[in-house]
PDB file of N, CA and C in Angstrom:
ATOM      1  N   UNK A   1     100.091 117.501 104.470  1.00  0.00           N
ATOM      2  CA  UNK A   1      99.353 116.399 105.038  1.00  0.00           C
ATOM      3  C   UNK A   1      98.325 116.953 106.011  1.00  0.00           C
ATOM      4  N   UNK A   2      97.119 116.448 105.965  1.00  0.00           N
ATOM      5  CA  UNK A   2      96.035 116.900 106.808  1.00  0.00           C
ATOM      6  C   UNK A   2      96.034 116.129 108.123  1.00  0.00           C
ATOM      7  N   UNK A   3      95.631 116.790 109.195  1.00  0.00           N
ATOM      8  CA  UNK A   3      95.548 116.143 110.501  1.00  0.00           C
ATOM      9  C   UNK A   3      94.113 116.226 110.990  1.00  0.00           C
ATOM     10  N   UNK A   4      93.599 115.104 111.510  1.00  0.00           N
ATOM     11  CA  UNK A   4      92.259 115.077 112.074  1.00  0.00           C
ATOM     12  C   UNK A   4      92.222 115.961 113.312  1.00  0.00           C
ATOM     13  N   UNK A   5      91.098 116.640 113.554  1.00  0.00           N
ATOM     14  CA  UNK A   5      90.987 117.551 114.688  1.00  0.00           C
ATOM     15  C   UNK A   5      90.524 116.875 115.968  1.00  0.00           C
ATOM     16  N   UNK A   6      90.041 115.627 115.896  1.00  0.00           N
ATOM     17  CA  UNK A   6      89.474 114.967 117.055  1.00  0.00           C
ATOM     18  C   UNK A   6      90.367 113.844 117.541  1.00  0.00           C
ATOM     19  N   UNK A   7      90.382 113.651 118.853  1.00  0.00           N
ATOM     20  CA  UNK A   7      91.079 112.502 119.434  1.00  0.00           C
ATOM     21  C   UNK A   7      90.212 111.267 119.210  1.00  0.00           C
ATOM     22  N   UNK A   8      90.826 110.088 119.222  1.00  0.00           N
ATOM     23  CA  UNK A   8      90.041 108.870 119.044  1.00  0.00           C
ATOM     24  C   UNK A   8      89.340 108.493 120.347  1.00  0.00           C
ATOM     25  N   UNK A   9      88.643 107.353 120.358  1.00  0.00           N
ATOM     26  CA  UNK A   9      87.871 106.924 121.521  1.00  0.00           C
ATOM     27  C   UNK A   9      88.716 106.763 122.781  1.00  0.00           C
ATOM     28  N   UNK A  10      89.986 106.454 122.624  1.00  0.00           N
ATOM     29  CA  UNK A  10      90.843 106.196 123.758  1.00  0.00           C
ATOM     30  C   UNK A  10      91.665 107.420 124.158  1.00  0.00           C
ATOM     31  N   UNK A  11      91.381 108.584 123.548  1.00  0.00           N
ATOM     32  CA  UNK A  11      92.060 109.817 123.894  1.00  0.00           C
ATOM     33  C   UNK A  11      93.417 110.000 123.239  1.00  0.00           C
ATOM     34  N   UNK A  12      93.733 109.163 122.254  1.00  0.00           N
ATOM     35  CA  UNK A  12      95.015 109.294 121.558  1.00  0.00           C
ATOM     36  C   UNK A  12      95.015 110.580 120.739  1.00  0.00           C
ATOM     37  N   UNK A  13      96.168 111.189 120.547  1.00  0.00           N
ATOM     38  CA  UNK A  13      96.227 112.433 119.777  1.00  0.00           C
ATOM     39  C   UNK A  13      95.848 112.196 118.316  1.00  0.00           C
ATOM     40  N   UNK A  14      95.437 113.238 117.628  1.00  0.00           N
ATOM     41  CA  UNK A  14      95.050 113.101 116.221  1.00  0.00           C
ATOM     42  C   UNK A  14      96.195 112.554 115.366  1.00  0.00           C
ATOM     43  N   UNK A  15      95.841 111.730 114.406  1.00  0.00           N
ATOM     44  CA  UNK A  15      96.811 111.133 113.495  1.00  0.00           C
ATOM     45  C   UNK A  15      96.664 111.773 112.115  1.00  0.00           C
ATOM     46  N   UNK A  16      97.747 111.875 111.353  1.00  0.00           N
ATOM     47  CA  UNK A  16      97.623 112.400 109.996  1.00  0.00           C
ATOM     48  C   UNK A  16      96.755 111.467 109.148  1.00  0.00           C
ATOM     49  N   UNK A  17      95.913 112.048 108.329  1.00  0.00           N
ATOM     50  CA  UNK A  17      95.083 111.260 107.431  1.00  0.00           C
ATOM     51  C   UNK A  17      95.930 110.770 106.275  1.00  0.00           C
ATOM     52  N   UNK A  18      95.598 109.630 105.699  1.00  0.00           N
ATOM     53  CA  UNK A  18      96.442 109.012 104.683  1.00  0.00           C
ATOM     54  C   UNK A  18      96.271 109.611 103.296  1.00  0.00           C
ATOM     55  N   UNK A  19      95.187 110.208 103.029  1.00  0.00           N
ATOM     56  CA  UNK A  19      94.975 110.764 101.702  1.00  0.00           C
ATOM     57  C   UNK A  19      93.560 111.296 101.565  1.00  0.00           C
ATOM     58  N   UNK A  20      93.295 111.947 100.475  1.00  0.00           N
ATOM     59  CA  UNK A  20      92.008 112.599 100.298  1.00  0.00           C
ATOM     60  C   UNK A  20      90.838 111.621 100.320  1.00  0.00           C
ATOM     61  N   UNK A  21      91.010 110.445  99.745  1.00  0.00           N
ATOM     62  CA  UNK A  21      89.913 109.489  99.640  1.00  0.00           C
ATOM     63  C   UNK A  21      90.020 108.340 100.630  1.00  0.00           C
ATOM     64  N   UNK A  22      90.947 108.414 101.576  1.00  0.00           N
ATOM     65  CA  UNK A  22      91.128 107.322 102.537  1.00  0.00           C
ATOM     66  C   UNK A  22      89.978 107.307 103.539  1.00  0.00           C
ATOM     67  N   UNK A  23      89.419 106.133 103.760  1.00  0.00           N
ATOM     68  CA  UNK A  23      88.379 105.935 104.762  1.00  0.00           C
ATOM     69  C   UNK A  23      88.873 104.842 105.693  1.00  0.00           C
ATOM     70  N   UNK A  24      88.891 105.121 106.982  1.00  0.00           N
ATOM     71  CA  UNK A  24      89.344 104.106 107.937  1.00  0.00           C
ATOM     72  C   UNK A  24      88.376 102.936 107.937  1.00  0.00           C
ATOM     73  N   UNK A  25      88.891 101.710 107.873  1.00  0.00           N
ATOM     74  CA  UNK A  25      88.010 100.547 107.953  1.00  0.00           C
ATOM     75  C   UNK A  25      87.330 100.500 109.318  1.00  0.00           C
ATOM     76  N   UNK A  26      86.034 100.391 109.330  1.00  0.00           N
ATOM     77  CA  UNK A  26      85.302 100.343 110.595  1.00  0.00           C
ATOM     78  C   UNK A  26      84.128  99.377 110.512  1.00  0.00           C
ATOM     79  N   UNK A  27      84.364  98.231 109.917  1.00  0.00           N
ATOM     80  CA  UNK A  27      83.309  97.237 109.767  1.00  0.00           C
ATOM     81  C   UNK A  27      83.320  96.169 110.835  1.00  0.00           C
ATOM     82  N   UNK A  28      84.019  96.402 111.931  1.00  0.00           N
ATOM     83  CA  UNK A  28      84.093  95.407 112.995  1.00  0.00           C
ATOM     84  C   UNK A  28      82.762  95.300 113.729  1.00  0.00           C
ATOM     85  N   UNK A  29      82.429  94.092 114.177  1.00  0.00           N
ATOM     86  CA  UNK A  29      81.210  93.884 114.959  1.00  0.00           C
ATOM     87  C   UNK A  29      81.388  94.402 116.377  1.00  0.00           C
ATOM     88  N   UNK A  30      82.594  94.315 116.900  1.00  0.00           N
ATOM     89  CA  UNK A  30      82.885  94.777 118.258  1.00  0.00           C
ATOM     90  C   UNK A  30      84.059  95.733 118.241  1.00  0.00           C
ATOM     91  N   UNK A  31      84.580  96.022 119.428  1.00  0.00           N
ATOM     92  CA  UNK A  31      85.716  96.918 119.546  1.00  0.00           C
ATOM     93  C   UNK A  31      87.016  96.129 119.408  1.00  0.00           C
ATOM     94  N   UNK A  32      87.837  96.427 118.405  1.00  0.00           N
ATOM     95  CA  UNK A  32      89.104  95.713 118.255  1.00  0.00           C
ATOM     96  C   UNK A  32      89.965  95.850 119.512  1.00  0.00           C
ATOM     97  N   UNK A  33      90.565  94.743 119.925  1.00  0.00           N
ATOM     98  CA  UNK A  33      91.422  94.748 121.091  1.00  0.00           C
ATOM     99  C   UNK A  33      90.770  94.195 122.339  1.00  0.00           C
ATOM    100  N   UNK A  34      89.481  93.913 122.304  1.00  0.00           N
ATOM    101  CA  UNK A  34      88.789  93.399 123.478  1.00  0.00           C
ATOM    102  C   UNK A  34      88.717  91.876 123.499  1.00  0.00           C
ATOM    103  N   UNK A  35      89.248  91.231 122.479  1.00  0.00           N
ATOM    104  CA  UNK A  35      89.221  89.778 122.399  1.00  0.00           C
ATOM    105  C   UNK A  35      90.437  89.141 123.039  1.00  0.00           C
ATOM    106  N   UNK A  36      90.672  87.869 122.760  1.00  0.00           N
ATOM    107  CA  UNK A  36      91.816  87.159 123.334  1.00  0.00           C
ATOM    108  C   UNK A  36      93.137  87.807 122.911  1.00  0.00           C
ATOM    109  N   UNK A  37      94.067  87.845 123.832  1.00  0.00           N
ATOM    110  CA  UNK A  37      95.379  88.431 123.551  1.00  0.00           C
ATOM    111  C   UNK A  37      96.103  87.614 122.486  1.00  0.00           C
ATOM    112  N   UNK A  38      96.743  88.294 121.568  1.00  0.00           N
ATOM    113  CA  UNK A  38      97.520  87.625 120.532  1.00  0.00           C
ATOM    114  C   UNK A  38      96.721  87.179 119.326  1.00  0.00           C
ATOM    115  N   UNK A  39      95.404  87.333 119.336  1.00  0.00           N
ATOM    116  CA  UNK A  39      94.565  86.941 118.198  1.00  0.00           C
ATOM    117  C   UNK A  39      94.225  88.170 117.364  1.00  0.00           C
ATOM    118  N   UNK A  40      93.961  87.942 116.073  1.00  0.00           N
ATOM    119  CA  UNK A  40      93.608  89.019 115.152  1.00  0.00           C
ATOM    120  C   UNK A  40      92.363  88.631 114.374  1.00  0.00           C
ATOM    121  N   UNK A  41      91.860  89.557 113.586  1.00  0.00           N
ATOM    122  CA  UNK A  41      90.708  89.253 112.732  1.00  0.00           C
ATOM    123  C   UNK A  41      91.045  88.127 111.748  1.00  0.00           C
ATOM    124  N   UNK A  42      92.302  88.037 111.343  1.00  0.00           N
ATOM    125  CA  UNK A  42      92.727  87.012 110.392  1.00  0.00           C
ATOM    126  C   UNK A  42      92.472  85.599 110.928  1.00  0.00           C
ATOM    127  N   UNK A  43      92.551  85.407 112.245  1.00  0.00           N
ATOM    128  CA  UNK A  43      92.393  84.081 112.831  1.00  0.00           C
ATOM    129  C   UNK A  43      90.962  83.799 113.287  1.00  0.00           C
ATOM    130  N   UNK A  44      90.035  84.710 113.036  1.00  0.00           N
ATOM    131  CA  UNK A  44      88.639  84.537 113.448  1.00  0.00           C
ATOM    132  C   UNK A  44      87.855  83.779 112.380  1.00  0.00           C
ATOM    133  N   UNK A  45      86.986  82.893 112.811  1.00  0.00           N
ATOM    134  CA  UNK A  45      86.192  82.130 111.843  1.00  0.00           C
ATOM    135  C   UNK A  45      85.114  82.983 111.177  1.00  0.00           C
ATOM    136  N   UNK A  46      84.813  84.131 111.736  1.00  0.00           N
ATOM    137  CA  UNK A  46      83.776  85.000 111.175  1.00  0.00           C
ATOM    138  C   UNK A  46      84.277  85.938 110.079  1.00  0.00           C
ATOM    139  N   UNK A  47      85.588  85.936 109.807  1.00  0.00           N
ATOM    140  CA  UNK A  47      86.137  86.786 108.750  1.00  0.00           C
ATOM    141  C   UNK A  47      85.614  86.297 107.402  1.00  0.00           C
ATOM    142  N   UNK A  48      84.969  87.182 106.669  1.00  0.00           N
ATOM    143  CA  UNK A  48      84.402  86.838 105.362  1.00  0.00           C
ATOM    144  C   UNK A  48      85.220  87.497 104.265  1.00  0.00           C
ATOM    145  N   UNK A  49      85.420  86.770 103.191  1.00  0.00           N
ATOM    146  CA  UNK A  49      86.115  87.296 102.022  1.00  0.00           C
ATOM    147  C   UNK A  49      85.084  87.488 100.910  1.00  0.00           C
ATOM    148  N   UNK A  50      84.867  88.734 100.534  1.00  0.00           N
ATOM    149  CA  UNK A  50      83.893  89.067  99.488  1.00  0.00           C
ATOM    150  C   UNK A  50      84.687  89.312  98.218  1.00  0.00           C
ATOM    151  N   UNK A  51      84.433  88.494  97.206  1.00  0.00           N
ATOM    152  CA  UNK A  51      85.191  88.605  95.960  1.00  0.00           C
ATOM    153  C   UNK A  51      84.383  89.331  94.902  1.00  0.00           C
ATOM    154  N   UNK A  52      84.931  90.432  94.453  1.00  0.00           N
ATOM    155  CA  UNK A  52      84.397  91.213  93.337  1.00  0.00           C
ATOM    156  C   UNK A  52      85.563  91.375  92.379  1.00  0.00           C
ATOM    157  N   UNK A  53      85.890  92.581  91.984  1.00  0.00           N
ATOM    158  CA  UNK A  53      87.082  92.812  91.171  1.00  0.00           C
ATOM    159  C   UNK A  53      88.326  92.512  92.006  1.00  0.00           C
ATOM    160  N   UNK A  54      88.230  92.767  93.314  1.00  0.00           N
ATOM    161  CA  UNK A  54      89.280  92.451  94.275  1.00  0.00           C
ATOM    162  C   UNK A  54      88.618  91.653  95.396  1.00  0.00           C
ATOM    163  N   UNK A  55      89.397  91.214  96.350  1.00  0.00           N
ATOM    164  CA  UNK A  55      88.845  90.523  97.505  1.00  0.00           C
ATOM    165  C   UNK A  55      88.822  91.494  98.678  1.00  0.00           C
ATOM    166  N   UNK A  56      87.655  91.633  99.288  1.00  0.00           N
ATOM    167  CA  UNK A  56      87.461  92.548 100.401  1.00  0.00           C
ATOM    168  C   UNK A  56      87.197  91.737 101.664  1.00  0.00           C
ATOM    169  N   UNK A  57      87.802  92.130 102.764  1.00  0.00           N
ATOM    170  CA  UNK A  57      87.617  91.438 104.031  1.00  0.00           C
ATOM    171  C   UNK A  57      86.527  92.137 104.830  1.00  0.00           C
ATOM    172  N   UNK A  58      85.553  91.363 105.288  1.00  0.00           N
ATOM    173  CA  UNK A  58      84.420  91.895 106.044  1.00  0.00           C
ATOM    174  C   UNK A  58      84.198  91.019 107.274  1.00  0.00           C
ATOM    175  N   UNK A  59      83.535  91.561 108.275  1.00  0.00           N
ATOM    176  CA  UNK A  59      83.164  90.791 109.457  1.00  0.00           C
ATOM    177  C   UNK A  59      81.792  90.190 109.208  1.00  0.00           C
ATOM    178  N   UNK A  60      81.680  88.881 109.346  1.00  0.00           N
ATOM    179  CA  UNK A  60      80.421  88.185 109.111  1.00  0.00           C
ATOM    180  C   UNK A  60      79.318  88.591 110.073  1.00  0.00           C
ATOM    181  N   UNK A  61      79.656  89.033 111.260  1.00  0.00           N
ATOM    182  CA  UNK A  61      78.638  89.465 112.224  1.00  0.00           C
ATOM    183  C   UNK A  61      78.042  90.816 111.869  1.00  0.00           C
ATOM    184  N   UNK A  62      78.740  91.604 111.080  1.00  0.00           N
ATOM    185  CA  UNK A  62      78.269  92.940 110.719  1.00  0.00           C
ATOM    186  C   UNK A  62      77.678  92.953 109.309  1.00  0.00           C
ATOM    187  N   UNK A  63      77.198  91.824 108.841  1.00  0.00           N
ATOM    188  CA  UNK A  63      76.699  91.697 107.460  1.00  0.00           C
ATOM    189  C   UNK A  63      75.622  92.734 107.120  1.00  0.00           C
ATOM    190  N   UNK A  64      74.747  93.069 108.051  1.00  0.00           N
ATOM    191  CA  UNK A  64      73.677  94.032 107.765  1.00  0.00           C
ATOM    192  C   UNK A  64      74.218  95.436 107.523  1.00  0.00           C
ATOM    193  N   UNK A  65      75.472  95.695 107.905  1.00  0.00           N
ATOM    194  CA  UNK A  65      76.080  97.019 107.696  1.00  0.00           C
ATOM    195  C   UNK A  65      77.043  97.045 106.519  1.00  0.00           C
ATOM    196  N   UNK A  66      77.169  95.946 105.775  1.00  0.00           N
ATOM    197  CA  UNK A  66      78.093  95.925 104.644  1.00  0.00           C
ATOM    198  C   UNK A  66      77.644  96.919 103.589  1.00  0.00           C
ATOM    199  N   UNK A  67      78.606  97.640 103.036  1.00  0.00           N
ATOM    200  CA  UNK A  67      78.341  98.553 101.933  1.00  0.00           C
ATOM    201  C   UNK A  67      79.276  98.173 100.798  1.00  0.00           C
ATOM    202  N   UNK A  68      79.203  98.871  99.724  1.00  0.00           N
ATOM    203  CA  UNK A  68      80.109  98.631  98.620  1.00  0.00           C
ATOM    204  C   UNK A  68      81.413  99.391  98.763  1.00  0.00           C
ATOM    205  N   UNK A  69      81.629 100.004  99.903  1.00  0.00           N
ATOM    206  CA  UNK A  69      82.817 100.825 100.093  1.00  0.00           C
ATOM    207  C   UNK A  69      83.738 100.319 101.181  1.00  0.00           C
ATOM    208  N   UNK A  70      84.816 101.047 101.386  1.00  0.00           N
ATOM    209  CA  UNK A  70      85.853 100.672 102.346  1.00  0.00           C
ATOM    210  C   UNK A  70      85.390 100.801 103.787  1.00  0.00           C
ATOM    211  N   UNK A  71      84.391 101.605 104.045  1.00  0.00           N
ATOM    212  CA  UNK A  71      83.955 101.850 105.420  1.00  0.00           C
ATOM    213  C   UNK A  71      83.494 100.587 106.129  1.00  0.00           C
ATOM    214  N   UNK A  72      83.029  99.584 105.422  1.00  0.00           N
ATOM    215  CA  UNK A  72      82.568  98.356 106.073  1.00  0.00           C
ATOM    216  C   UNK A  72      83.605  97.241 106.019  1.00  0.00           C
ATOM    217  N   UNK A  73      84.822  97.544 105.580  1.00  0.00           N
ATOM    218  CA  UNK A  73      85.900  96.550 105.559  1.00  0.00           C
ATOM    219  C   UNK A  73      86.521  96.416 106.944  1.00  0.00           C
ATOM    220  N   UNK A  74      87.256  95.332 107.139  1.00  0.00           N
ATOM    221  CA  UNK A  74      88.068  95.155 108.341  1.00  0.00           C
ATOM    222  C   UNK A  74      89.496  94.884 107.895  1.00  0.00           C
ATOM    223  N   UNK A  75      90.435  95.129 108.774  1.00  0.00           N
ATOM    224  CA  UNK A  75      91.827  94.806 108.505  1.00  0.00           C
ATOM    225  C   UNK A  75      92.127  93.457 109.146  1.00  0.00           C
ATOM    226  N   UNK A  76      92.749  92.555 108.403  1.00  0.00           N
ATOM    227  CA  UNK A  76      93.071  91.233 108.926  1.00  0.00           C
ATOM    228  C   UNK A  76      94.036  91.330 110.102  1.00  0.00           C
ATOM    229  N   UNK A  77      94.817  92.379 110.158  1.00  0.00           N
ATOM    230  CA  UNK A  77      95.809  92.535 111.223  1.00  0.00           C
ATOM    231  C   UNK A  77      95.251  93.228 112.465  1.00  0.00           C
ATOM    232  N   UNK A  78      93.960  93.598 112.459  1.00  0.00           N
ATOM    233  CA  UNK A  78      93.359  94.245 113.625  1.00  0.00           C
ATOM    234  C   UNK A  78      93.309  93.276 114.797  1.00  0.00           C
ATOM    235  N   UNK A  79      93.504  93.772 116.015  1.00  0.00           N
ATOM    236  CA  UNK A  79      93.367  92.892 117.170  1.00  0.00           C
ATOM    237  C   UNK A  79      91.944  92.341 117.256  1.00  0.00           C
ATOM    238  N   UNK A  80      91.803  91.152 117.794  1.00  0.00           N
ATOM    239  CA  UNK A  80      90.494  90.494 117.873  1.00  0.00           C
ATOM    240  C   UNK A  80      89.521  91.289 118.751  1.00  0.00           C
ATOM    241  N   UNK A  81      88.235  91.253 118.376  1.00  0.00           N
ATOM    242  CA  UNK A  81      87.207  91.900 119.184  1.00  0.00           C
ATOM    243  C   UNK A  81      86.598  90.867 120.136  1.00  0.00           C
ATOM    244  N   UNK A  82      85.652  91.296 120.936  1.00  0.00           N
ATOM    245  CA  UNK A  82      85.055  90.419 121.929  1.00  0.00           C
ATOM    246  C   UNK A  82      84.218  89.286 121.313  1.00  0.00           C
ATOM    247  N   UNK A  83      83.915  89.363 120.019  1.00  0.00           N
ATOM    248  CA  UNK A  83      83.128  88.329 119.357  1.00  0.00           C
ATOM    249  C   UNK A  83      84.006  87.313 118.613  1.00  0.00           C
ATOM    250  N   UNK A  84      85.292  87.348 118.814  1.00  0.00           N
ATOM    251  CA  UNK A  84      86.232  86.459 118.125  1.00  0.00           C
ATOM    252  C   UNK A  84      85.905  85.007 118.444  1.00  0.00           C
ATOM    253  N   UNK A  85      85.970  84.146 117.419  1.00  0.00           N
ATOM    254  CA  UNK A  85      85.758  82.709 117.593  1.00  0.00           C
ATOM    255  C   UNK A  85      86.861  81.966 116.869  1.00  0.00           C
ATOM    256  N   UNK A  86      87.324  80.897 117.469  1.00  0.00           N
ATOM    257  CA  UNK A  86      88.368  80.074 116.869  1.00  0.00           C
ATOM    258  C   UNK A  86      87.819  79.384 115.623  1.00  0.00           C
ATOM    259  N   UNK A  87      88.660  79.185 114.598  1.00  0.00           N
ATOM    260  CA  UNK A  87      88.207  78.467 113.409  1.00  0.00           C
ATOM    261  C   UNK A  87      87.821  77.036 113.781  1.00  0.00           C
ATOM    262  N   UNK A  88      86.814  76.531 113.094  1.00  0.00           N
ATOM    263  CA  UNK A  88      86.367  75.166 113.402  1.00  0.00           C
ATOM    264  C   UNK A  88      87.090  74.128 112.587  1.00  0.00           C
TER     265      UNK A  88
END
């Protein structure tokens, strides 16, 4: 198993990478964890579902950065960012 050589933004130790082709989802408009406590991307009204062969979760605020790959995806279980909005 391969280990990343760099610490993350918060100084956490390197984590093992999941596989050769794994790309961490980083399509969030803001920094995950800066939003309301107890909320996730799943509960945000800006979460977009893009349907192709599968359904991909994207942040509606980061639309200009969407790509056809995993790098612009978000995880529904990620903590809410500072741009989180309640569903209408």
